[in-house]
Amino acid sequence: MRKKKLIIVSNRLPIQMERTPEGLKASSSSGGLVSVLSTLKPSLDFKWIGWPGTEITKSEKDLFETQLVNEYGYYPVYLTSNEIDRYYYGFSNSVLWPLFHYSQDRVDFSQHYWEDYVKVNEKFAEKVLSLCDDNTTVWVHDYHLFLLPQILRKVKPKLRIGFFLHIPFPSSEIYRLLPARNEILEGILGSDLIGFHSYEYLRHFVSSCKRVLGLKVSDRKITFQERSVEVGTFPIGIDFDKFHDSSLSEETIKALEKLRNTHQNKKLILGVDRLDYIKGIPQKLIAFENFLEKYPEFRENTILIQVGLPSRYKVPEYKKLKNEIDQHVGRINGRFGSPNHSPIHYIAHSISFEELSALYRIADAMLVTSIRDGMNLVCMEYIASQQNKNGVLILSEFAGAANALQNALLVNPWDISKIVEAIHQALTMNEQERKRRQMLNYEYVKKHTSSKWGQSFIRKL
């Protein structure tokens, strides 16, 4: 039987690159979409289009592209340094990202950003069109490529196009602040199926289509340019087996024993976040400081291990955030630390998968205080990695995962006193209640995996 053709399009290809004496080498990286595609391979002939993540010289392109195409089925879109600055760091991450996460005061709109955003979306369209025919299904991902579906639709009206948004869609009141609001909506509506993590995001999108474009909507179908566009909710999950099995690996167990020796008889609270203002790390640190202040009996035996994964370092807002976090950590350790004890262990760099897995296993509680988050898969990774520990998840109600993980302790990241009480509740909760909450969350994470998410979207498309 002939396989159906699928083209995945995302801003970045899932690769890690290294310059060696023999030239540029690429290796495939792991992630949610990669695991999704591995489950779809038997039934689909797929190609993946995206930016390699850095500027490639002319002399490197031929050999590099041959390797990507032959080994992985990846097709690169090459961007200049100016395009990267204006399309990626500019419009995508200095306009769309803050606005869609309700941080409109951080938006830095520039006409040059918008012009390059349009130009790069057209570049992606050229690559897609060079590889597809009318029988190809195209699945476009995320806010970097909002214009792509409609560009493709104008050239090939019969293409089957799906679009999935991995971040929140804001309320129409916030969305209307965007200068290119009409063009963005029309770009997305070039799709046949538009997917969101939650009904809240879907509702906001539909409301914006009504208020900004004046479109008719009925039964999750939007009428646009005499076509019917379907919208749906598809909450993403994680590669459950990867995290569950890794927590039992020999390398993880070695890292776990090292942590146990280092933190004997300590209560461990874990935070794992990208260094991003939407993650609410300052709020978390202030809440932990207030917890130590209110409950002095925990000062000497409780540690917050905060992993801060490097993020978009070229965006000025991220540099400010890093300085703010450093100041909080220094102040709290200065107030409550001693020669033998630091209440906050701040890891400001990437760590190995085995080290992360060991932290997930050993933590008595995980603290997620995102001020706005599309889903937040870190909390699911924590649940999948727990082996009879029955750790307690404290989760922001503004993370998409809060809709699914109802047995977490849900908190408002702006309500510091409630976070303090949630930390205390988590660390003093009896074993029976810890086990009940963990098992219910565990069953959800085990059932709703990334591969099932991908399969359900493709089936619907």
Protein backbone atom coordinates (compact mmCIF):
# COMPACT_ATOMS: atom_id res chain seq x y z
CA MET A 1 0.00 0.00 0.00
CA ARG A 2 1.33 3.44 -0.95
CA LYS A 3 2.22 5.64 2.04
CA LYS A 4 0.53 9.01 2.45
CA LYS A 5 2.83 12.03 2.14
CA LEU A 6 3.29 14.33 5.13
CA ILE A 7 5.43 17.46 5.39
CA ILE A 8 6.14 18.81 8.88
CA VAL A 9 7.10 22.49 8.98
CA SER A 10 8.56 24.11 12.10
CA ASN A 11 10.81 27.08 12.75
CA ARG A 12 13.71 24.84 13.81
CA LEU A 13 14.83 21.44 12.60
CA PRO A 14 15.33 18.98 15.48
CA ILE A 15 19.10 18.82 15.06
CA GLN A 16 22.26 19.62 16.96
CA MET A 17 25.19 20.85 14.90
CA GLU A 18 28.93 20.64 15.36
CA ARG A 19 31.75 22.05 13.26
CA THR A 20 34.51 19.43 12.88
CA PRO A 21 37.74 19.33 10.84
CA GLU A 22 35.77 17.32 8.24
CA GLY A 23 33.05 19.98 8.05
CA LEU A 24 29.63 20.67 9.54
CA LYS A 25 28.00 17.61 11.14
CA ALA A 26 24.38 17.29 12.23
CA SER A 27 22.82 14.86 14.67
CA SER A 28 19.11 14.46 15.33
CA SER A 29 17.92 15.73 18.72
CA SER A 30 15.09 14.25 20.73
CA GLY A 31 11.83 15.96 21.54
CA GLY A 32 8.06 15.73 21.49
CA LEU A 33 7.63 16.08 17.72
CA VAL A 34 10.49 13.66 17.00
CA SER A 35 8.85 10.97 19.10
CA VAL A 36 5.52 11.68 17.41
CA LEU A 37 7.02 11.17 13.97
CA SER A 38 8.70 7.92 14.97
CA THR A 39 5.26 6.45 15.65
CA LEU A 40 3.91 7.75 12.32
CA LYS A 41 6.78 6.41 10.17
CA PRO A 42 5.17 3.05 9.29
CA SER A 43 2.12 4.71 7.72
CA LEU A 44 3.51 8.01 6.37
CA ASP A 45 6.19 9.16 3.98
CA PHE A 46 7.28 12.34 5.74
CA LYS A 47 9.70 15.17 5.25
CA TRP A 48 10.61 17.84 7.81
CA ILE A 49 11.31 21.46 6.85
CA GLY A 50 12.94 24.00 9.17
CA TRP A 51 15.79 26.39 9.90
CA PRO A 52 19.02 24.60 10.98
CA GLY A 53 19.51 27.01 13.90
CA THR A 54 22.53 28.95 12.66
CA GLU A 55 23.89 30.63 9.56
CA ILE A 56 25.49 28.19 7.09
CA THR A 57 28.29 29.23 4.75
CA LYS A 58 28.01 28.63 0.99
CA SER A 59 30.85 26.11 1.05
CA GLU A 60 29.10 24.07 3.75
CA LYS A 61 25.60 23.95 2.26
CA ASP A 62 25.83 21.12 -0.28
CA LEU A 63 27.46 18.53 1.97
CA PHE A 64 25.37 19.59 4.96
CA GLU A 65 22.08 19.39 3.07
CA THR A 66 22.94 16.01 1.56
CA GLN A 67 23.54 14.60 5.04
CA LEU A 68 20.29 16.02 6.41
CA VAL A 69 18.16 14.77 3.52
CA ASN A 70 19.70 11.31 3.21
CA GLU A 71 20.03 10.48 6.92
CA TYR A 72 16.97 12.15 8.42
CA GLY A 73 14.61 13.37 5.71
CA TYR A 74 15.17 16.95 6.92
CA TYR A 75 15.13 19.86 4.45
CA PRO A 76 16.77 23.09 5.65
CA VAL A 77 15.58 26.65 5.06
CA TYR A 78 18.60 28.96 5.18
CA LEU A 79 18.26 32.35 6.88
CA THR A 80 20.66 35.30 6.86
CA SER A 81 21.84 36.89 10.12
CA ASN A 82 19.55 39.88 9.45
CA GLU A 83 16.56 37.61 8.93
CA ILE A 84 17.35 35.71 12.12
CA ASP A 85 17.56 38.98 14.06
CA ARG A 86 14.36 40.47 12.65
CA TYR A 87 12.14 37.44 12.02
CA TYR A 88 13.19 35.26 14.96
CA TYR A 89 14.48 37.56 17.70
CA GLY A 90 12.45 40.47 16.38
CA PHE A 91 8.86 39.80 15.33
CA SER A 92 8.52 36.24 16.66
CA ASN A 93 10.06 36.77 20.10
CA SER A 94 9.87 40.52 20.73
CA VAL A 95 6.31 40.96 19.43
CA LEU A 96 4.30 37.73 19.19
CA TRP A 97 5.76 35.91 22.19
CA PRO A 98 5.19 38.66 24.79
CA LEU A 99 1.79 39.66 23.40
CA PHE A 100 0.45 36.09 23.30
CA HIS A 101 1.66 35.60 26.89
CA TYR A 102 -0.14 38.75 28.12
CA SER A 103 3.09 40.76 28.52
CA GLN A 104 2.05 43.54 26.17
CA ASP A 105 4.31 46.03 27.97
CA ARG A 106 7.29 44.05 26.63
CA VAL A 107 6.22 44.22 22.97
CA ASP A 108 8.76 45.92 20.70
CA PHE A 109 7.07 46.33 17.32
CA SER A 110 9.12 47.45 14.33
CA GLN A 111 8.07 47.60 10.67
CA HIS A 112 11.41 45.99 9.75
CA TYR A 113 10.58 43.04 12.02
CA TRP A 114 7.24 42.57 10.26
CA GLU A 115 8.71 42.83 6.76
CA ASP A 116 11.28 40.12 7.51
CA TYR A 117 8.63 37.95 9.19
CA VAL A 118 6.63 38.04 5.93
CA LYS A 119 9.77 37.42 3.87
CA VAL A 120 10.84 34.37 5.93
CA ASN A 121 7.34 32.85 5.87
CA GLU A 122 7.51 33.16 2.06
CA LYS A 123 10.91 31.43 2.10
CA PHE A 124 9.42 28.52 4.03
CA ALA A 125 6.54 28.39 1.53
CA GLU A 126 8.97 28.12 -1.39
CA LYS A 127 10.64 25.11 0.22
CA VAL A 128 7.30 23.41 0.99
CA LEU A 129 5.99 23.98 -2.54
CA SER A 130 9.15 22.53 -4.05
CA LEU A 131 8.54 19.24 -2.21
CA CYS A 132 4.78 18.71 -2.37
CA ASP A 133 1.96 17.91 -4.73
CA ASP A 134 -1.83 18.10 -4.33
CA ASN A 135 -1.86 14.77 -2.45
CA THR A 136 0.53 15.97 0.26
CA THR A 137 -0.59 16.82 3.79
CA VAL A 138 1.27 19.74 5.40
CA TRP A 139 1.41 20.20 9.17
CA VAL A 140 2.63 23.68 10.19
CA HIS A 141 3.79 24.38 13.75
CA ASP A 142 3.66 27.45 15.92
CA TYR A 143 3.75 31.23 15.96
CA HIS A 144 6.87 31.68 13.83
CA LEU A 145 4.90 30.52 10.77
CA PHE A 146 1.46 32.11 11.19
CA LEU A 147 1.39 33.32 7.57
CA LEU A 148 2.49 30.06 5.95
CA PRO A 149 -0.89 28.24 5.60
CA GLN A 150 -2.49 31.05 3.58
CA ILE A 151 0.60 31.52 1.38
CA LEU A 152 0.46 27.82 0.53
CA ARG A 153 -3.31 27.88 0.03
CA LYS A 154 -3.10 30.63 -2.59
CA VAL A 155 -0.65 28.60 -4.70
CA LYS A 156 -2.08 25.10 -4.11
CA PRO A 157 -5.78 25.35 -3.12
CA LYS A 158 -6.15 21.55 -2.83
CA LEU A 159 -3.39 21.04 -0.24
CA ARG A 160 -4.48 19.55 3.07
CA ILE A 161 -3.02 21.93 5.67
CA GLY A 162 -3.00 21.61 9.46
CA PHE A 163 -1.73 24.21 11.90
CA PHE A 164 -0.94 23.70 15.59
CA LEU A 165 -0.25 26.51 18.06
CA HIS A 166 2.06 25.48 20.90
CA ILE A 167 1.60 28.69 22.93
CA PRO A 168 -1.55 30.32 24.33
CA PHE A 169 -3.83 32.34 22.09
CA PRO A 170 -4.68 35.52 24.02
CA SER A 171 -8.08 37.08 24.61
CA SER A 172 -9.39 39.19 21.75
CA GLU A 173 -8.85 42.35 23.83
CA ILE A 174 -5.13 41.60 23.97
CA TYR A 175 -4.90 40.23 20.43
CA ARG A 176 -6.40 43.40 18.95
CA LEU A 177 -3.32 45.35 20.07
CA LEU A 178 -1.28 43.62 17.34
CA PRO A 179 -0.72 45.95 14.34
CA ALA A 180 -0.73 42.98 11.91
CA ARG A 181 -3.79 41.41 13.52
CA ASN A 182 -5.77 40.87 10.28
CA GLU A 183 -2.86 39.39 8.36
CA ILE A 184 -1.99 36.93 11.14
CA LEU A 185 -5.55 35.61 11.46
CA GLU A 186 -5.92 35.30 7.69
CA GLY A 187 -2.60 33.46 7.54
CA ILE A 188 -3.69 30.86 10.09
CA LEU A 189 -7.10 30.49 8.41
CA GLY A 190 -5.41 29.16 5.28
CA SER A 191 -5.47 25.85 7.19
CA ASP A 192 -8.09 23.10 7.07
CA LEU A 193 -7.60 22.24 10.75
CA ILE A 194 -6.27 24.50 13.51
CA GLY A 195 -5.28 22.90 16.81
CA PHE A 196 -4.86 24.33 20.33
CA HIS A 197 -3.82 22.86 23.68
CA SER A 198 -7.02 23.91 25.45
CA TYR A 199 -10.56 25.09 24.89
CA GLU A 200 -9.66 28.47 26.43
CA TYR A 201 -7.13 29.17 23.66
CA LEU A 202 -9.57 27.93 21.00
CA ARG A 203 -12.31 30.19 22.36
CA HIS A 204 -10.00 33.24 22.28
CA PHE A 205 -9.03 32.50 18.67
CA VAL A 206 -12.64 32.14 17.57
CA SER A 207 -13.55 35.35 19.39
CA SER A 208 -10.74 37.21 17.59
CA CYS A 209 -11.94 35.86 14.22
CA LYS A 210 -15.41 37.22 15.00
CA ARG A 211 -14.35 40.60 16.38
CA VAL A 212 -11.38 41.41 14.12
CA LEU A 213 -12.47 39.83 10.83
CA GLY A 214 -16.24 39.65 11.37
CA LEU A 215 -16.36 35.94 10.46
CA LYS A 216 -19.19 33.48 11.12
CA VAL A 217 -18.54 30.54 13.44
CA SER A 218 -20.73 27.51 14.12
CA ASP A 219 -19.93 24.18 15.79
CA ARG A 220 -16.13 24.70 15.80
CA LYS A 221 -16.14 25.63 12.12
CA ILE A 222 -15.12 29.06 10.83
CA THR A 223 -16.26 30.21 7.39
CA PHE A 224 -13.41 32.01 5.62
CA GLN A 225 -13.15 32.80 1.90
CA GLU A 226 -15.97 30.34 1.11
CA ARG A 227 -14.12 27.55 2.90
CA SER A 228 -14.91 25.80 6.17
CA VAL A 229 -11.98 25.81 8.60
CA GLU A 230 -12.18 23.46 11.58
CA VAL A 231 -10.74 24.25 15.02
CA GLY A 232 -10.10 21.70 17.77
CA THR A 233 -8.35 21.03 21.06
CA PHE A 234 -5.43 18.57 21.12
CA PRO A 235 -3.62 18.73 24.48
CA ILE A 236 -0.03 17.61 23.94
CA GLY A 237 1.73 15.09 26.19
CA ILE A 238 5.26 13.76 26.62
CA ASP A 239 7.18 10.69 25.52
CA PHE A 240 6.14 8.81 28.66
CA ASP A 241 8.32 5.73 28.15
CA LYS A 242 11.43 7.83 27.61
CA PHE A 243 11.14 9.56 31.00
CA HIS A 244 9.79 6.58 32.91
CA ASP A 245 12.49 4.22 31.61
CA SER A 246 15.32 6.73 31.94
CA SER A 247 14.53 7.19 35.63
CA LEU A 248 15.53 3.51 36.08
CA SER A 249 18.70 3.60 33.97
CA GLU A 250 22.13 2.92 35.41
CA GLU A 251 23.37 6.47 34.66
CA THR A 252 20.33 8.02 36.37
CA ILE A 253 20.72 5.79 39.43
CA LYS A 254 24.37 6.89 39.76
CA ALA A 255 23.33 10.54 39.59
CA LEU A 256 20.54 9.80 42.07
CA GLU A 257 22.94 8.29 44.62
CA LYS A 258 25.20 11.32 44.30
CA LEU A 259 22.25 13.63 45.01
CA ARG A 260 21.21 11.51 48.01
CA ASN A 261 24.71 11.70 49.48
CA THR A 262 24.85 15.45 48.93
CA HIS A 263 21.39 16.21 50.32
CA GLN A 264 20.96 13.68 53.14
CA ASN A 265 17.87 14.26 55.31
CA LYS A 266 16.83 17.30 53.29
CA LYS A 267 13.45 18.13 51.80
CA LEU A 268 13.98 18.91 48.12
CA ILE A 269 11.77 21.19 46.03
CA LEU A 270 12.55 21.24 42.31
CA GLY A 271 12.10 23.95 39.70
CA VAL A 272 13.04 23.37 36.04
CA ASP A 273 12.39 26.31 33.73
CA ARG A 274 13.74 28.05 30.69
CA LEU A 275 15.01 31.51 31.60
CA ASP A 276 11.91 33.26 30.37
CA TYR A 277 9.75 35.92 32.00
CA ILE A 278 6.60 33.84 31.40
CA LYS A 279 7.91 31.12 33.74
CA GLY A 280 7.44 33.19 36.91
CA ILE A 281 10.85 32.35 38.40
CA PRO A 282 11.07 35.60 40.45
CA GLN A 283 7.62 34.89 41.91
CA LYS A 284 8.78 31.38 42.83
CA LEU A 285 11.90 32.65 44.58
CA ILE A 286 9.98 35.32 46.51
CA ALA A 287 7.41 32.71 47.59
CA PHE A 288 10.18 30.38 48.78
CA GLU A 289 11.77 33.25 50.72
CA ASN A 290 8.42 33.97 52.39
CA PHE A 291 8.01 30.26 53.16
CA LEU A 292 11.35 30.16 54.99
CA GLU A 293 10.38 33.33 56.84
CA LYS A 294 6.98 31.99 57.96
CA TYR A 295 8.11 28.43 58.75
CA PRO A 296 11.58 28.69 60.38
CA GLU A 297 11.56 24.96 61.20
CA PHE A 298 12.20 24.28 57.48
CA ARG A 299 15.15 26.66 57.09
CA GLU A 300 17.90 24.15 57.75
CA ASN A 301 16.40 21.09 56.10
CA THR A 302 14.74 22.38 52.90
CA ILE A 303 16.40 23.17 49.59
CA LEU A 304 14.98 24.63 46.40
CA ILE A 305 16.95 23.28 43.45
CA GLN A 306 16.22 25.64 40.57
CA VAL A 307 17.45 24.71 37.09
CA GLY A 308 17.44 27.74 34.80
CA LEU A 309 17.89 26.60 31.20
CA PRO A 310 19.47 29.24 28.91
CA SER A 311 16.99 30.93 26.60
CA ARG A 312 16.91 33.70 23.97
CA TYR A 313 20.01 35.50 25.18
CA LYS A 314 19.93 38.12 22.39
CA VAL A 315 16.60 39.56 23.56
CA PRO A 316 17.32 42.33 26.15
CA GLU A 317 14.40 41.28 28.38
CA TYR A 318 16.10 37.93 29.02
CA LYS A 319 19.33 39.54 30.16
CA LYS A 320 17.34 41.65 32.66
CA LEU A 321 15.58 38.53 33.92
CA LYS A 322 18.86 36.69 34.48
CA ASN A 323 20.18 39.61 36.57
CA GLU A 324 16.94 39.75 38.58
CA ILE A 325 17.10 36.01 39.37
CA ASP A 326 20.76 36.27 40.40
CA GLN A 327 19.86 39.06 42.83
CA HIS A 328 16.99 37.08 44.38
CA VAL A 329 19.12 33.95 44.83
CA GLY A 330 21.98 35.92 46.39
CA ARG A 331 19.67 37.75 48.80
CA ILE A 332 17.80 34.62 49.95
CA ASN A 333 20.96 32.56 50.42
CA GLY A 334 22.46 35.50 52.30
CA ARG A 335 19.43 35.76 54.61
CA PHE A 336 18.84 32.09 55.37
CA GLY A 337 22.07 30.32 54.46
CA SER A 338 24.88 29.17 56.73
CA PRO A 339 28.41 27.83 56.16
CA ASN A 340 26.91 24.33 55.85
CA HIS A 341 23.63 25.05 54.10
CA SER A 342 22.35 27.06 51.12
CA PRO A 343 18.55 27.07 50.83
CA ILE A 344 18.68 27.64 47.04
CA HIS A 345 20.87 25.65 44.66
CA TYR A 346 20.70 27.55 41.38
CA ILE A 347 21.89 25.69 38.27
CA ALA A 348 22.18 28.31 35.52
CA HIS A 349 23.18 26.00 32.66
CA SER A 350 21.94 22.96 30.77
CA ILE A 351 22.34 19.59 32.47
CA SER A 352 22.45 16.04 31.12
CA PHE A 353 19.26 14.07 30.63
CA GLU A 354 20.37 11.60 33.34
CA GLU A 355 21.00 14.43 35.83
CA LEU A 356 17.57 15.87 35.08
CA SER A 357 15.97 12.45 35.46
CA ALA A 358 17.66 11.97 38.84
CA LEU A 359 16.37 15.37 40.03
CA TYR A 360 12.85 14.42 38.95
CA ARG A 361 13.13 11.16 40.90
CA ILE A 362 14.47 12.59 44.15
CA ALA A 363 12.38 15.76 44.52
CA ASP A 364 9.74 15.75 47.27
CA ALA A 365 7.84 18.45 45.41
CA MET A 366 7.97 20.29 42.13
CA LEU A 367 7.11 23.98 41.96
CA VAL A 368 5.82 25.46 38.66
CA THR A 369 4.78 29.12 38.86
CA SER A 370 4.36 30.15 35.20
CA ILE A 371 2.50 33.42 34.82
CA ARG A 372 1.28 32.12 31.44
CA ASP A 373 2.27 28.88 29.71
CA GLY A 374 0.94 27.10 26.63
CA MET A 375 1.15 23.69 28.32
CA ASN A 376 4.31 23.15 30.44
CA LEU A 377 5.54 19.62 29.85
CA VAL A 378 8.16 19.75 32.63
CA CYS A 379 5.50 18.95 35.25
CA MET A 380 4.47 15.87 33.23
CA GLU A 381 8.11 14.76 32.98
CA TYR A 382 8.33 14.99 36.76
CA ILE A 383 5.23 12.83 37.23
CA ALA A 384 6.44 10.20 34.74
CA SER A 385 9.88 10.00 36.39
CA GLN A 386 8.73 9.47 39.98
CA GLN A 387 9.40 5.92 41.16
CA ASN A 388 7.46 5.27 44.40
CA LYS A 389 8.46 8.71 45.67
CA ASN A 390 4.96 10.18 45.32
CA GLY A 391 6.21 13.73 45.05
CA VAL A 392 3.69 16.56 45.10
CA LEU A 393 3.23 18.85 42.10
CA ILE A 394 2.52 22.52 42.82
CA LEU A 395 1.28 23.98 39.53
CA SER A 396 0.28 27.41 38.27
CA GLU A 397 -3.35 27.62 37.26
CA PHE A 398 -2.17 29.66 34.25
CA ALA A 399 -0.25 26.75 32.71
CA GLY A 400 -2.17 24.75 30.12
CA ALA A 401 -1.34 21.56 32.03
CA ALA A 402 -3.52 22.75 34.93
CA ASN A 403 -6.59 21.75 32.92
CA ALA A 404 -5.40 18.13 32.89
CA LEU A 405 -3.48 17.70 36.16
CA GLN A 406 -6.28 18.57 38.53
CA ASN A 407 -4.69 16.58 41.35
CA ALA A 408 -1.77 18.96 41.58
CA LEU A 409 -1.90 21.77 44.14
CA LEU A 410 -3.03 24.59 41.86
CA VAL A 411 -1.81 28.10 42.67
CA ASN A 412 -2.04 31.65 41.37
CA PRO A 413 1.59 32.73 40.80
CA TRP A 414 0.70 36.29 41.82
CA ASP A 415 -0.71 35.13 45.19
CA ILE A 416 2.54 34.65 47.09
CA SER A 417 0.87 33.76 50.41
CA LYS A 418 -1.08 30.92 48.75
CA ILE A 419 2.09 29.54 47.18
CA VAL A 420 3.71 29.59 50.64
CA GLU A 421 0.84 27.53 52.03
CA ALA A 422 0.96 25.14 49.06
CA ILE A 423 4.68 24.52 49.69
CA HIS A 424 3.94 23.82 53.35
CA GLN A 425 1.05 21.52 52.42
CA ALA A 426 3.23 19.62 49.94
CA LEU A 427 6.04 19.05 52.44
CA THR A 428 3.74 17.99 55.29
CA MET A 429 1.18 15.96 53.30
CA ASN A 430 0.64 12.41 54.56
CA GLU A 431 1.82 9.51 52.42
CA GLN A 432 -1.67 8.28 51.55
CA GLU A 433 -2.72 11.64 50.11
CA ARG A 434 0.58 12.05 48.25
CA LYS A 435 0.12 8.63 46.69
CA ARG A 436 -3.49 9.32 45.69
CA ARG A 437 -2.63 12.56 43.92
CA GLN A 438 0.45 11.13 42.21
CA MET A 439 -1.34 8.05 40.88
CA LEU A 440 -4.20 10.05 39.36
CA ASN A 441 -1.78 12.46 37.65
CA TYR A 442 0.45 9.53 36.64
CA GLU A 443 -2.44 7.73 34.90
CA TYR A 444 -3.26 10.85 32.90
CA VAL A 445 0.35 11.42 31.77
CA LYS A 446 0.77 7.73 30.89
CA LYS A 447 -2.39 7.74 28.77
CA HIS A 448 -2.07 11.12 27.01
CA THR A 449 1.35 10.84 25.35
CA SER A 450 2.95 12.95 22.63
CA SER A 451 2.53 10.15 20.09
CA LYS A 452 -1.22 9.89 20.77
CA TRP A 453 -1.45 13.69 20.43
CA GLY A 454 0.22 13.54 17.01
CA GLN A 455 -1.81 10.59 15.84
CA SER A 456 -5.11 12.22 16.87
CA PHE A 457 -4.26 15.47 15.04
CA ILE A 458 -3.16 13.71 11.83
CA ARG A 459 -6.23 11.47 11.93
CA LYS A 460 -8.51 14.49 12.27
CA LEU A 461 -6.64 16.35 9.51
